[in-house]
Amino acid sequence: MTRKEQIHAALYNAAVDAGFMLTALPETATIIVDDLLEKTPQRYEVTFTGTDISDMDVHITTAW
């Protein structure tokens, strides 16, 4: 399995298992998560921080 295939599998499994969809908004350089499980869907903005795998973190805030 290539590295690209590993990343694809991880994103696919996370999205299906947790019921969300990722969208990249190029005009604002943001990643948006749409919750697909709630009756009133929520939208969140995702930010990744850190410089390498040892200090990587993920932050999620309500988008709007």
Protein backbone atom coordinates (compact mmCIF):
# COMPACT_ATOMS: atom_id res chain seq x y z
CA MET A 1 0.00 0.00 0.00
CA THR A 2 1.37 3.42 -0.94
CA ARG A 3 1.43 6.35 1.47
CA LYS A 4 -1.32 8.02 -0.59
CA GLU A 5 -3.47 4.90 -0.22
CA GLN A 6 -2.84 4.82 3.56
CA ILE A 7 -3.95 8.44 3.94
CA HIS A 8 -7.02 7.82 1.77
CA ALA A 9 -7.99 4.76 3.83
CA ALA A 10 -7.58 6.62 7.13
CA LEU A 11 -9.71 9.57 5.98
CA TYR A 12 -12.34 7.31 4.44
CA ASN A 13 -12.65 5.12 7.54
CA ALA A 14 -12.79 8.10 9.90
CA ALA A 15 -15.44 9.86 7.81
CA VAL A 16 -17.64 6.78 7.48
CA ASP A 17 -17.22 5.63 11.11
CA ALA A 18 -17.83 9.09 12.61
CA GLY A 19 -20.33 10.34 10.01
CA PHE A 20 -18.73 13.51 8.73
CA MET A 21 -17.66 15.10 5.45
CA LEU A 22 -14.59 17.28 4.90
CA THR A 23 -14.61 20.26 2.55
CA ALA A 24 -11.65 22.47 1.72
CA LEU A 25 -12.51 26.13 1.07
CA PRO A 26 -9.66 27.44 -1.08
CA GLU A 27 -10.78 31.07 -0.88
CA THR A 28 -10.18 31.08 2.90
CA ALA A 29 -7.70 28.17 3.14
CA THR A 30 -9.90 26.42 5.70
CA ILE A 31 -11.10 22.88 6.18
CA ILE A 32 -14.75 22.51 7.13
CA VAL A 33 -16.32 19.44 8.75
CA ASP A 34 -20.02 18.84 8.15
CA ASP A 35 -21.66 16.55 10.71
CA LEU A 36 -23.82 14.04 8.84
CA LEU A 37 -25.38 12.33 11.87
CA GLU A 38 -27.23 15.09 13.74
CA LYS A 39 -30.79 16.08 12.82
CA THR A 40 -29.59 19.70 12.86
CA PRO A 41 -26.22 19.38 11.15
CA GLN A 42 -23.35 21.30 12.66
CA ARG A 43 -20.45 22.78 10.76
CA TYR A 44 -16.96 22.99 12.25
CA GLU A 45 -13.66 24.51 11.19
CA VAL A 46 -10.57 22.32 11.57
CA THR A 47 -7.06 23.61 12.18
CA PHE A 48 -3.92 21.50 12.37
CA THR A 49 -0.98 22.81 14.39
CA GLY A 50 2.54 21.56 14.89
CA THR A 51 5.60 21.15 12.76
CA ASP A 52 5.89 17.35 12.65
CA ILE A 53 4.25 14.17 13.92
CA SER A 54 5.67 14.60 17.44
CA ASP A 55 3.75 17.81 18.18
CA MET A 56 0.75 17.53 15.84
CA ASP A 57 -2.60 18.63 17.22
CA VAL A 58 -6.08 19.11 15.77
CA HIS A 59 -8.38 21.96 16.85
CA ILE A 60 -12.09 22.10 16.04
CA THR A 61 -14.26 25.20 16.46
CA THR A 62 -17.85 25.90 15.46
CA ALA A 63 -17.73 27.45 11.99
CA TRP A 64 -21.14 29.16 11.80
